[in-house]
Amino acid sequence: MNNKITQLTRRNIFDYIQVEKFWWSGRLEETDFLSRMYDLERLPSSDSRFDNAAGDIWQHRINNPNDWDDNWIFNDSRFNLLYCDDSNFLNFLCEMIHPIVRIDQSEVNRLLQIFNENLKEDNYEIVEKTKISGRPIFVGRLKITGKESLQNKGSDLKRILNAEYVTQQINLMESSIDNSPHISIGLAKELIETCCKSIFEDKKISYDKNWDLPKLMKETTKLLKLTPEDIPNETKASSSIKQILGSLSSVVQGIGEIRNEYGSGHGKDGKFKGLQPRHAKLAVGASTTLAIYLLETHEIRK
């Protein structure tokens, strides 16, 4: 496991939580909070009288609440918060400030400040992803600055493209939908371009730099053997698969045209009116789904 969020950062966050006396499970019972992330009935019990973690947590934190320290969770090896995967650690922090868990907005704001002040040392951050009933829901991600955006990273991006990077771009595009839909649309097109070119380069096969997006996509599907002609007729549901694959070029062409007319990357006159966030959501949704599909197919082919 190659974590980037260090043990020191994690301990600092836990120390702040304890010093400022934040209750980590918010308004939920500890078992209810943990059940949002873990299957407690499949985790082992530390008490021989019980079959699983659900039983011993109930016994020592609800039935006899003084058996364990209030902040036992930070050192319990079953949850392994000091050493678990970065994504699991970030998910735990995001759950702490989820509106179902914590209703005091001042607490949410302070915890978010604590998290981000410490996470920035490891180039991570927690940001708002969406809303539920007007309250923010957060997601953790690698920190993205303007100079690290797709427009400016050039050839280096094609060299380092990986699943982690795709996740960053999805988060960046999603965070721009409401306030800057033209940026989301521009990034949607560029993500597909970068994805396709990286596949060619990883296979050490040259491509024509003058190809437009539809041509680049067409050649990428050929390279990955994703064209309708590559699906044998005897394959189950072959007609449906062929129909989906045949529509890929239409999706890509549509995203390219939207970007050219409404996205970032082209100067606009003073009367320009951009599309609405719902249109950006369509472009982002299509491009991210397609990018992940291409990368996963590429990995399988490898």
C-alpha atoms as a PDB file:
ATOM      1  CA  MET A   1       0.000   0.000   0.000  1.00  0.00           C
ATOM      2  CA  ASN A   2       1.593   3.264  -1.151  1.00  0.00           C
ATOM      3  CA  ASN A   3      -0.098   5.916   0.973  1.00  0.00           C
ATOM      4  CA  LYS A   4       0.653   9.605   0.554  1.00  0.00           C
ATOM      5  CA  ILE A   5      -1.151  10.815   3.667  1.00  0.00           C
ATOM      6  CA  THR A   6       1.466  10.244   6.339  1.00  0.00           C
ATOM      7  CA  GLN A   7       1.018   8.777   9.778  1.00  0.00           C
ATOM      8  CA  LEU A   8       2.083  12.145  11.215  1.00  0.00           C
ATOM      9  CA  THR A   9      -0.694  13.964   9.370  1.00  0.00           C
ATOM     10  CA  ARG A  10      -3.243  11.437  10.560  1.00  0.00           C
ATOM     11  CA  ARG A  11      -2.088  11.680  14.168  1.00  0.00           C
ATOM     12  CA  ASN A  12      -2.195  15.474  14.023  1.00  0.00           C
ATOM     13  CA  ILE A  13      -5.794  15.382  12.810  1.00  0.00           C
ATOM     14  CA  PHE A  14      -6.791  12.947  15.551  1.00  0.00           C
ATOM     15  CA  ASP A  15      -5.031  15.094  18.151  1.00  0.00           C
ATOM     16  CA  TYR A  16      -6.970  18.181  17.065  1.00  0.00           C
ATOM     17  CA  ILE A  17     -10.234  16.263  17.205  1.00  0.00           C
ATOM     18  CA  GLN A  18      -9.519  15.141  20.760  1.00  0.00           C
ATOM     19  CA  VAL A  19      -8.127  18.447  22.042  1.00  0.00           C
ATOM     20  CA  GLU A  20     -11.115  20.404  20.706  1.00  0.00           C
ATOM     21  CA  LYS A  21     -13.453  17.705  22.021  1.00  0.00           C
ATOM     22  CA  PHE A  22     -15.269  16.859  18.823  1.00  0.00           C
ATOM     23  CA  TRP A  23     -17.350  13.702  19.043  1.00  0.00           C
ATOM     24  CA  TRP A  24     -16.196  11.693  16.027  1.00  0.00           C
ATOM     25  CA  SER A  25     -19.537   9.954  15.414  1.00  0.00           C
ATOM     26  CA  GLY A  26     -21.507  13.190  15.676  1.00  0.00           C
ATOM     27  CA  ARG A  27     -25.137  12.681  16.567  1.00  0.00           C
ATOM     28  CA  LEU A  28     -25.055   8.989  15.638  1.00  0.00           C
ATOM     29  CA  GLU A  29     -24.382   5.999  17.852  1.00  0.00           C
ATOM     30  CA  GLU A  30     -20.868   4.774  17.184  1.00  0.00           C
ATOM     31  CA  THR A  31     -22.104   1.534  15.624  1.00  0.00           C
ATOM     32  CA  ASP A  32     -24.482   3.450  13.346  1.00  0.00           C
ATOM     33  CA  PHE A  33     -21.693   5.774  12.251  1.00  0.00           C
ATOM     34  CA  LEU A  34     -19.222   2.971  11.545  1.00  0.00           C
ATOM     35  CA  SER A  35     -21.863   0.930   9.720  1.00  0.00           C
ATOM     36  CA  ARG A  36     -21.987   3.655   7.093  1.00  0.00           C
ATOM     37  CA  MET A  37     -18.462   2.601   6.023  1.00  0.00           C
ATOM     38  CA  TYR A  38     -17.812  -0.875   7.383  1.00  0.00           C
ATOM     39  CA  ASP A  39     -19.619  -4.210   7.610  1.00  0.00           C
ATOM     40  CA  LEU A  40     -19.286  -4.597  11.370  1.00  0.00           C
ATOM     41  CA  GLU A  41     -20.737  -8.094  11.325  1.00  0.00           C
ATOM     42  CA  ARG A  42     -17.832  -9.289   9.181  1.00  0.00           C
ATOM     43  CA  LEU A  43     -15.088  -7.651  11.240  1.00  0.00           C
ATOM     44  CA  PRO A  44     -13.676  -9.729  14.111  1.00  0.00           C
ATOM     45  CA  SER A  45     -14.529  -9.198  17.755  1.00  0.00           C
ATOM     46  CA  SER A  46     -11.888  -8.274  20.328  1.00  0.00           C
ATOM     47  CA  ASP A  47     -14.084  -9.880  22.998  1.00  0.00           C
ATOM     48  CA  SER A  48     -14.404 -13.684  22.923  1.00  0.00           C
ATOM     49  CA  ARG A  49     -18.015 -13.431  24.087  1.00  0.00           C
ATOM     50  CA  PHE A  50     -19.071 -11.926  20.773  1.00  0.00           C
ATOM     51  CA  ASP A  51     -18.875 -13.137  17.191  1.00  0.00           C
ATOM     52  CA  ASN A  52     -18.040  -9.851  15.498  1.00  0.00           C
ATOM     53  CA  ALA A  53     -17.173  -6.162  15.897  1.00  0.00           C
ATOM     54  CA  ALA A  54     -20.834  -5.133  16.038  1.00  0.00           C
ATOM     55  CA  GLY A  55     -21.279  -7.165  19.216  1.00  0.00           C
ATOM     56  CA  ASP A  56     -18.228  -6.013  21.119  1.00  0.00           C
ATOM     57  CA  ILE A  57     -18.625  -2.351  20.153  1.00  0.00           C
ATOM     58  CA  TRP A  58     -22.215  -2.458  21.417  1.00  0.00           C
ATOM     59  CA  GLN A  59     -21.097  -4.128  24.659  1.00  0.00           C
ATOM     60  CA  HIS A  60     -18.194  -1.829  25.444  1.00  0.00           C
ATOM     61  CA  ARG A  61     -19.453   1.477  24.072  1.00  0.00           C
ATOM     62  CA  ILE A  62     -23.243   1.363  24.448  1.00  0.00           C
ATOM     63  CA  ASN A  63     -24.070  -1.189  27.120  1.00  0.00           C
ATOM     64  CA  ASN A  64     -20.977  -0.263  29.170  1.00  0.00           C
ATOM     65  CA  PRO A  65     -19.825   3.039  27.661  1.00  0.00           C
ATOM     66  CA  ASN A  66     -16.883   3.495  30.024  1.00  0.00           C
ATOM     67  CA  ASP A  67     -15.152   0.233  29.107  1.00  0.00           C
ATOM     68  CA  TRP A  68     -13.245   1.846  26.246  1.00  0.00           C
ATOM     69  CA  ASP A  69     -11.780   5.313  25.808  1.00  0.00           C
ATOM     70  CA  ASP A  70     -14.056   7.692  23.894  1.00  0.00           C
ATOM     71  CA  ASN A  71     -11.540   7.929  21.052  1.00  0.00           C
ATOM     72  CA  TRP A  72     -10.779   4.201  20.838  1.00  0.00           C
ATOM     73  CA  ILE A  73     -11.536   4.221  17.103  1.00  0.00           C
ATOM     74  CA  PHE A  74      -8.300   6.045  16.241  1.00  0.00           C
ATOM     75  CA  ASN A  75      -6.158   3.163  17.490  1.00  0.00           C
ATOM     76  CA  ASP A  76      -8.323   0.116  16.778  1.00  0.00           C
ATOM     77  CA  SER A  77      -6.392  -2.197  14.439  1.00  0.00           C
ATOM     78  CA  ARG A  78      -9.570  -3.450  12.789  1.00  0.00           C
ATOM     79  CA  PHE A  79     -10.208  -0.031  11.272  1.00  0.00           C
ATOM     80  CA  ASN A  80      -6.509   0.802  11.031  1.00  0.00           C
ATOM     81  CA  LEU A  81      -7.049   4.526  10.504  1.00  0.00           C
ATOM     82  CA  LEU A  82      -3.362   5.356  10.987  1.00  0.00           C
ATOM     83  CA  TYR A  83      -2.266   3.032   8.188  1.00  0.00           C
ATOM     84  CA  CYS A  84      -5.327   2.281   6.030  1.00  0.00           C
ATOM     85  CA  ASP A  85      -5.570   3.255   2.384  1.00  0.00           C
ATOM     86  CA  ASP A  86      -5.707   7.025   1.796  1.00  0.00           C
ATOM     87  CA  SER A  87      -9.175   6.753   0.272  1.00  0.00           C
ATOM     88  CA  ASN A  88     -10.534   4.974   3.370  1.00  0.00           C
ATOM     89  CA  PHE A  89      -8.982   7.556   5.666  1.00  0.00           C
ATOM     90  CA  LEU A  90     -10.451  10.440   3.642  1.00  0.00           C
ATOM     91  CA  ASN A  91     -13.818   8.705   3.574  1.00  0.00           C
ATOM     92  CA  PHE A  92     -13.782   8.501   7.371  1.00  0.00           C
ATOM     93  CA  LEU A  93     -13.103  12.247   7.644  1.00  0.00           C
ATOM     94  CA  CYS A  94     -15.812  13.078   5.112  1.00  0.00           C
ATOM     95  CA  GLU A  95     -18.327  10.977   7.041  1.00  0.00           C
ATOM     96  CA  MET A  96     -17.510  12.947  10.186  1.00  0.00           C
ATOM     97  CA  ILE A  97     -18.846  16.107   8.517  1.00  0.00           C
ATOM     98  CA  HIS A  98     -21.693  14.503   6.586  1.00  0.00           C
ATOM     99  CA  PRO A  99     -25.025  16.301   7.257  1.00  0.00           C
ATOM    100  CA  ILE A 100     -26.581  13.083   8.546  1.00  0.00           C
ATOM    101  CA  VAL A 101     -23.778  12.802  11.096  1.00  0.00           C
ATOM    102  CA  ARG A 102     -23.225  16.441  12.102  1.00  0.00           C
ATOM    103  CA  ILE A 103     -25.848  19.191  12.037  1.00  0.00           C
ATOM    104  CA  ASP A 104     -23.931  22.065  13.681  1.00  0.00           C
ATOM    105  CA  GLN A 105     -22.503  24.039  10.750  1.00  0.00           C
ATOM    106  CA  SER A 106     -19.895  25.724  12.933  1.00  0.00           C
ATOM    107  CA  GLU A 107     -18.561  22.291  13.876  1.00  0.00           C
ATOM    108  CA  VAL A 108     -18.500  21.238  10.235  1.00  0.00           C
ATOM    109  CA  ASN A 109     -16.595  24.381   9.286  1.00  0.00           C
ATOM    110  CA  ARG A 110     -14.031  23.959  12.065  1.00  0.00           C
ATOM    111  CA  LEU A 111     -13.459  20.277  11.331  1.00  0.00           C
ATOM    112  CA  LEU A 112     -13.091  21.016   7.623  1.00  0.00           C
ATOM    113  CA  GLN A 113     -10.496  23.658   8.507  1.00  0.00           C
ATOM    114  CA  ILE A 114      -8.596  21.191  10.707  1.00  0.00           C
ATOM    115  CA  PHE A 115      -8.664  18.509   8.034  1.00  0.00           C
ATOM    116  CA  ASN A 116      -7.471  20.730   5.201  1.00  0.00           C
ATOM    117  CA  GLU A 117      -4.802  22.549   7.178  1.00  0.00           C
ATOM    118  CA  ASN A 118      -3.183  19.214   7.920  1.00  0.00           C
ATOM    119  CA  LEU A 119      -3.906  17.421   4.645  1.00  0.00           C
ATOM    120  CA  LYS A 120      -2.323  20.203   2.585  1.00  0.00           C
ATOM    121  CA  GLU A 121       1.111  19.048   3.760  1.00  0.00           C
ATOM    122  CA  ASP A 122       0.503  15.821   1.825  1.00  0.00           C
ATOM    123  CA  ASN A 123      -1.149  17.632  -1.115  1.00  0.00           C
ATOM    124  CA  TYR A 124      -4.667  16.443  -0.298  1.00  0.00           C
ATOM    125  CA  GLU A 125      -7.846  18.332   0.451  1.00  0.00           C
ATOM    126  CA  ILE A 126     -11.510  17.792   1.285  1.00  0.00           C
ATOM    127  CA  VAL A 127     -13.945  19.734  -0.883  1.00  0.00           C
ATOM    128  CA  GLU A 128     -17.672  19.984  -1.392  1.00  0.00           C
ATOM    129  CA  LYS A 129     -18.878  17.546  -4.032  1.00  0.00           C
ATOM    130  CA  THR A 130     -22.659  17.982  -3.972  1.00  0.00           C
ATOM    131  CA  LYS A 131     -25.539  18.917  -1.663  1.00  0.00           C
ATOM    132  CA  ILE A 132     -28.375  17.132   0.045  1.00  0.00           C
ATOM    133  CA  SER A 133     -31.294  19.252   1.264  1.00  0.00           C
ATOM    134  CA  GLY A 134     -29.063  22.296   0.872  1.00  0.00           C
ATOM    135  CA  ARG A 135     -26.277  20.845   3.046  1.00  0.00           C
ATOM    136  CA  PRO A 136     -22.841  20.040   1.584  1.00  0.00           C
ATOM    137  CA  ILE A 137     -21.485  16.552   1.076  1.00  0.00           C
ATOM    138  CA  PHE A 138     -17.709  16.328   0.906  1.00  0.00           C
ATOM    139  CA  VAL A 139     -15.142  14.245  -0.938  1.00  0.00           C
ATOM    140  CA  GLY A 140     -11.392  13.874  -0.466  1.00  0.00           C
ATOM    141  CA  ARG A 141      -9.008  14.325  -3.392  1.00  0.00           C
ATOM    142  CA  LEU A 142      -5.471  15.204  -4.387  1.00  0.00           C
ATOM    143  CA  LYS A 143      -5.099  18.968  -4.240  1.00  0.00           C
ATOM    144  CA  ILE A 144      -5.378  20.641  -7.632  1.00  0.00           C
ATOM    145  CA  THR A 145      -3.999  24.091  -8.401  1.00  0.00           C
ATOM    146  CA  GLY A 146      -4.413  26.130 -11.551  1.00  0.00           C
ATOM    147  CA  LYS A 147      -0.955  25.306 -12.855  1.00  0.00           C
ATOM    148  CA  GLU A 148      -1.690  21.605 -12.414  1.00  0.00           C
ATOM    149  CA  SER A 149      -4.830  21.704 -14.549  1.00  0.00           C
ATOM    150  CA  LEU A 150      -5.126  19.843 -17.802  1.00  0.00           C
ATOM    151  CA  GLN A 151      -4.563  22.915 -19.927  1.00  0.00           C
ATOM    152  CA  ASN A 152      -1.061  23.554 -18.583  1.00  0.00           C
ATOM    153  CA  LYS A 153       0.436  20.173 -17.819  1.00  0.00           C
ATOM    154  CA  GLY A 154       0.926  19.242 -21.471  1.00  0.00           C
ATOM    155  CA  SER A 155       2.934  16.177 -22.315  1.00  0.00           C
ATOM    156  CA  ASP A 156       3.702  15.377 -18.673  1.00  0.00           C
ATOM    157  CA  LEU A 157       0.054  14.449 -18.127  1.00  0.00           C
ATOM    158  CA  LYS A 158       0.174  11.832 -20.839  1.00  0.00           C
ATOM    159  CA  ARG A 159       3.141  10.255 -19.134  1.00  0.00           C
ATOM    160  CA  ILE A 160       1.649  10.136 -15.637  1.00  0.00           C
ATOM    161  CA  LEU A 161      -1.986   9.402 -16.487  1.00  0.00           C
ATOM    162  CA  ASN A 162      -3.376   6.739 -14.150  1.00  0.00           C
ATOM    163  CA  ALA A 163      -6.548   5.885 -12.241  1.00  0.00           C
ATOM    164  CA  GLU A 164      -5.635   8.372  -9.499  1.00  0.00           C
ATOM    165  CA  TYR A 165      -5.236  11.157 -12.023  1.00  0.00           C
ATOM    166  CA  VAL A 166      -8.584  10.340 -13.652  1.00  0.00           C
ATOM    167  CA  THR A 167     -10.192  10.651 -10.227  1.00  0.00           C
ATOM    168  CA  GLN A 168      -8.656  14.122  -9.838  1.00  0.00           C
ATOM    169  CA  GLN A 169     -10.052  15.258 -13.172  1.00  0.00           C
ATOM    170  CA  ILE A 170     -13.505  13.937 -12.385  1.00  0.00           C
ATOM    171  CA  ASN A 171     -13.477  15.884  -9.110  1.00  0.00           C
ATOM    172  CA  LEU A 172     -12.216  19.036 -10.814  1.00  0.00           C
ATOM    173  CA  MET A 173     -14.850  18.889 -13.531  1.00  0.00           C
ATOM    174  CA  GLU A 174     -17.624  18.159 -11.049  1.00  0.00           C
ATOM    175  CA  SER A 175     -16.574  21.026  -8.792  1.00  0.00           C
ATOM    176  CA  SER A 176     -16.706  23.444 -11.752  1.00  0.00           C
ATOM    177  CA  ILE A 177     -20.151  22.433 -13.026  1.00  0.00           C
ATOM    178  CA  ASP A 178     -22.257  24.903 -11.060  1.00  0.00           C
ATOM    179  CA  ASN A 179     -19.991  27.955 -11.036  1.00  0.00           C
ATOM    180  CA  SER A 180     -17.951  27.504 -14.220  1.00  0.00           C
ATOM    181  CA  PRO A 181     -19.737  25.076 -16.571  1.00  0.00           C
ATOM    182  CA  HIS A 182     -17.586  26.176 -19.522  1.00  0.00           C
ATOM    183  CA  ILE A 183     -14.487  24.934 -17.676  1.00  0.00           C
ATOM    184  CA  SER A 184     -16.137  21.575 -17.034  1.00  0.00           C
ATOM    185  CA  ILE A 185     -17.047  21.244 -20.702  1.00  0.00           C
ATOM    186  CA  GLY A 186     -13.522  22.110 -21.827  1.00  0.00           C
ATOM    187  CA  LEU A 187     -11.993  19.622 -19.415  1.00  0.00           C
ATOM    188  CA  ALA A 188     -14.437  16.927 -20.530  1.00  0.00           C
ATOM    189  CA  LYS A 189     -13.046  17.017 -24.061  1.00  0.00           C
ATOM    190  CA  GLU A 190      -9.429  17.274 -22.949  1.00  0.00           C
ATOM    191  CA  LEU A 191      -9.795  14.327 -20.586  1.00  0.00           C
ATOM    192  CA  ILE A 192     -10.815  12.063 -23.471  1.00  0.00           C
ATOM    193  CA  GLU A 193      -7.954  13.367 -25.610  1.00  0.00           C
ATOM    194  CA  THR A 194      -5.405  12.781 -22.857  1.00  0.00           C
ATOM    195  CA  CYS A 195      -6.812   9.350 -22.122  1.00  0.00           C
ATOM    196  CA  CYS A 196      -6.643   8.222 -25.753  1.00  0.00           C
ATOM    197  CA  LYS A 197      -3.129   9.560 -26.306  1.00  0.00           C
ATOM    198  CA  SER A 198      -1.851   7.950 -23.128  1.00  0.00           C
ATOM    199  CA  ILE A 199      -3.102   4.571 -24.325  1.00  0.00           C
ATOM    200  CA  PHE A 200      -1.204   4.962 -27.607  1.00  0.00           C
ATOM    201  CA  GLU A 201       1.944   5.988 -25.757  1.00  0.00           C
ATOM    202  CA  ASP A 202       1.682   3.185 -23.227  1.00  0.00           C
ATOM    203  CA  LYS A 203       1.475   0.723 -26.120  1.00  0.00           C
ATOM    204  CA  LYS A 204       4.407   2.524 -27.765  1.00  0.00           C
ATOM    205  CA  ILE A 205       2.343   3.120 -30.898  1.00  0.00           C
ATOM    206  CA  SER A 206       2.524   6.470 -32.633  1.00  0.00           C
ATOM    207  CA  TYR A 207      -0.494   8.631 -33.420  1.00  0.00           C
ATOM    208  CA  ASP A 208      -0.966  11.623 -35.659  1.00  0.00           C
ATOM    209  CA  LYS A 209      -0.899  14.810 -33.591  1.00  0.00           C
ATOM    210  CA  ASN A 210      -3.156  16.429 -36.171  1.00  0.00           C
ATOM    211  CA  TRP A 211      -6.012  14.004 -35.530  1.00  0.00           C
ATOM    212  CA  ASP A 212      -9.145  15.710 -34.271  1.00  0.00           C
ATOM    213  CA  LEU A 213     -11.028  14.165 -31.340  1.00  0.00           C
ATOM    214  CA  PRO A 214     -13.410  11.930 -33.363  1.00  0.00           C
ATOM    215  CA  LYS A 215     -10.482  10.534 -35.374  1.00  0.00           C
ATOM    216  CA  LEU A 216      -8.407  10.013 -32.232  1.00  0.00           C
ATOM    217  CA  MET A 217     -11.295   8.197 -30.583  1.00  0.00           C
ATOM    218  CA  LYS A 218     -11.885   6.032 -33.657  1.00  0.00           C
ATOM    219  CA  GLU A 219      -8.251   4.957 -33.780  1.00  0.00           C
ATOM    220  CA  THR A 220      -8.234   4.274 -30.032  1.00  0.00           C
ATOM    221  CA  THR A 221     -11.255   1.964 -30.293  1.00  0.00           C
ATOM    222  CA  LYS A 222      -9.503   0.126 -33.101  1.00  0.00           C
ATOM    223  CA  LEU A 223      -6.386  -0.203 -30.985  1.00  0.00           C
ATOM    224  CA  LEU A 224      -8.388  -1.639 -28.086  1.00  0.00           C
ATOM    225  CA  LYS A 225     -10.525  -3.780 -30.407  1.00  0.00           C
ATOM    226  CA  LEU A 226     -13.709  -2.050 -29.312  1.00  0.00           C
ATOM    227  CA  THR A 227     -15.262  -1.440 -32.716  1.00  0.00           C
ATOM    228  CA  PRO A 228     -18.582  -3.169 -33.508  1.00  0.00           C
ATOM    229  CA  GLU A 229     -16.755  -5.350 -36.021  1.00  0.00           C
ATOM    230  CA  ASP A 230     -14.668  -6.815 -33.186  1.00  0.00           C
ATOM    231  CA  ILE A 231     -17.730  -8.317 -31.480  1.00  0.00           C
ATOM    232  CA  PRO A 232     -18.564 -11.768 -32.902  1.00  0.00           C
ATOM    233  CA  ASN A 233     -22.187 -12.406 -33.794  1.00  0.00           C
ATOM    234  CA  GLU A 234     -22.342 -15.437 -31.535  1.00  0.00           C
ATOM    235  CA  THR A 235     -21.525 -13.319 -28.477  1.00  0.00           C
ATOM    236  CA  LYS A 236     -24.485 -13.060 -26.159  1.00  0.00           C
ATOM    237  CA  ALA A 237     -26.284  -9.722 -26.598  1.00  0.00           C
ATOM    238  CA  SER A 238     -23.936  -8.930 -29.481  1.00  0.00           C
ATOM    239  CA  SER A 239     -26.411  -6.578 -31.166  1.00  0.00           C
ATOM    240  CA  SER A 240     -26.760  -4.474 -28.003  1.00  0.00           C
ATOM    241  CA  ILE A 241     -22.995  -4.343 -27.474  1.00  0.00           C
ATOM    242  CA  LYS A 242     -22.438  -3.327 -31.077  1.00  0.00           C
ATOM    243  CA  GLN A 243     -25.045  -0.599 -30.776  1.00  0.00           C
ATOM    244  CA  ILE A 244     -23.348   0.831 -27.673  1.00  0.00           C
ATOM    245  CA  LEU A 245     -19.890   0.706 -29.236  1.00  0.00           C
ATOM    246  CA  GLY A 246     -21.201   2.251 -32.437  1.00  0.00           C
ATOM    247  CA  SER A 247     -22.544   5.205 -30.473  1.00  0.00           C
ATOM    248  CA  LEU A 248     -19.167   6.028 -28.909  1.00  0.00           C
ATOM    249  CA  SER A 249     -18.099   8.097 -31.889  1.00  0.00           C
ATOM    250  CA  SER A 250     -21.334  10.091 -31.719  1.00  0.00           C
ATOM    251  CA  VAL A 251     -20.809  10.823 -28.026  1.00  0.00           C
ATOM    252  CA  VAL A 252     -17.238  11.983 -28.600  1.00  0.00           C
ATOM    253  CA  GLN A 253     -18.159  14.128 -31.571  1.00  0.00           C
ATOM    254  CA  GLY A 254     -20.946  15.737 -29.566  1.00  0.00           C
ATOM    255  CA  ILE A 255     -18.619  16.563 -26.662  1.00  0.00           C
ATOM    256  CA  GLY A 256     -16.088  18.022 -29.104  1.00  0.00           C
ATOM    257  CA  GLU A 257     -18.694  20.235 -30.744  1.00  0.00           C
ATOM    258  CA  ILE A 258     -20.065  21.434 -27.407  1.00  0.00           C
ATOM    259  CA  ARG A 259     -16.567  22.297 -26.250  1.00  0.00           C
ATOM    260  CA  ASN A 260     -15.795  24.218 -29.436  1.00  0.00           C
ATOM    261  CA  GLU A 261     -18.961  26.276 -29.125  1.00  0.00           C
ATOM    262  CA  TYR A 262     -19.324  26.671 -25.367  1.00  0.00           C
ATOM    263  CA  GLY A 263     -16.309  25.278 -23.503  1.00  0.00           C
ATOM    264  CA  SER A 264     -13.069  26.789 -22.324  1.00  0.00           C
ATOM    265  CA  GLY A 265     -10.146  26.968 -24.702  1.00  0.00           C
ATOM    266  CA  HIS A 266     -11.567  29.389 -27.273  1.00  0.00           C
ATOM    267  CA  GLY A 267     -11.977  33.145 -26.958  1.00  0.00           C
ATOM    268  CA  LYS A 268     -15.573  34.400 -26.882  1.00  0.00           C
ATOM    269  CA  ASP A 269     -17.065  37.729 -27.834  1.00  0.00           C
ATOM    270  CA  GLY A 270     -18.701  40.038 -25.318  1.00  0.00           C
ATOM    271  CA  LYS A 271     -22.189  38.716 -26.086  1.00  0.00           C
ATOM    272  CA  PHE A 272     -21.275  35.096 -25.380  1.00  0.00           C
ATOM    273  CA  LYS A 273     -23.736  33.168 -23.211  1.00  0.00           C
ATOM    274  CA  GLY A 274     -22.625  29.799 -21.921  1.00  0.00           C
ATOM    275  CA  LEU A 275     -24.664  26.687 -21.352  1.00  0.00           C
ATOM    276  CA  GLN A 276     -26.290  25.850 -18.062  1.00  0.00           C
ATOM    277  CA  PRO A 277     -24.827  23.524 -15.387  1.00  0.00           C
ATOM    278  CA  ARG A 278     -27.176  20.738 -16.507  1.00  0.00           C
ATOM    279  CA  HIS A 279     -25.507  20.768 -19.921  1.00  0.00           C
ATOM    280  CA  ALA A 280     -22.079  20.613 -18.296  1.00  0.00           C
ATOM    281  CA  LYS A 281     -23.246  17.651 -16.209  1.00  0.00           C
ATOM    282  CA  LEU A 282     -24.140  15.816 -19.406  1.00  0.00           C
ATOM    283  CA  ALA A 283     -20.728  16.438 -20.968  1.00  0.00           C
ATOM    284  CA  VAL A 284     -18.846  15.580 -17.775  1.00  0.00           C
ATOM    285  CA  GLY A 285     -20.862  12.433 -17.162  1.00  0.00           C
ATOM    286  CA  ALA A 286     -20.319  11.157 -20.688  1.00  0.00           C
ATOM    287  CA  SER A 287     -16.601  11.940 -20.813  1.00  0.00           C
ATOM    288  CA  THR A 288     -15.723  10.507 -17.407  1.00  0.00           C
ATOM    289  CA  THR A 289     -17.645   7.310 -18.021  1.00  0.00           C
ATOM    290  CA  LEU A 290     -15.947   6.909 -21.375  1.00  0.00           C
ATOM    291  CA  ALA A 291     -12.461   7.703 -20.016  1.00  0.00           C
ATOM    292  CA  ILE A 292     -12.730   5.154 -17.237  1.00  0.00           C
ATOM    293  CA  TYR A 293     -14.093   2.561 -19.660  1.00  0.00           C
ATOM    294  CA  LEU A 294     -11.178   3.074 -22.048  1.00  0.00           C
ATOM    295  CA  LEU A 295      -8.552   2.938 -19.296  1.00  0.00           C
ATOM    296  CA  GLU A 296     -10.046  -0.157 -17.708  1.00  0.00           C
ATOM    297  CA  THR A 297     -10.226  -1.873 -21.094  1.00  0.00           C
ATOM    298  CA  HIS A 298      -6.614  -0.917 -21.756  1.00  0.00           C
ATOM    299  CA  GLU A 299      -5.545  -2.460 -18.433  1.00  0.00           C
ATOM    300  CA  ILE A 300      -7.447  -5.662 -19.185  1.00  0.00           C
ATOM    301  CA  ARG A 301      -5.879  -5.888 -22.633  1.00  0.00           C
ATOM    302  CA  LYS A 302      -2.435  -5.496 -21.033  1.00  0.00           C
END
